[in-house]
Amino acid sequence: MAHVEILRETPNERTEGQWQLCFQWCRYVYDDGSTQQGYRFIWRRPNGNLQAGRGQARIPSIEQAMALMRIAEAEGWGGFTGEGGSLAGDEG
């Protein structure tokens, strides 16, 4: 098992009272104390709470997924890679 720490998040446009698809950069902290970092898609309920989906989020279209990834890149965090969370191409 793991708990997830959200490091960065980009939501799609939200309409009041609607579900919202989010793209996140997260740290996964496992029961044995080890950690991994990675991206995920997850839904927020109309009340703002996250919808736990056992690691799966239905993505309505490739365009919506790509749009969220483009926003993350424009915000400067879409190129994170590796366990340290460094940007692709960074030396450190």
Foldseek 3Di string as FASTA:
>chain_A
DWDKDFPDKDWDDDDQQAKIKMKTWIWTQDPVRDIAIDIAIWIAGNVRHTDDDVRDDDDPDPVVVVVNLVVCVVVPQSQQDDRVRDGPPDPD
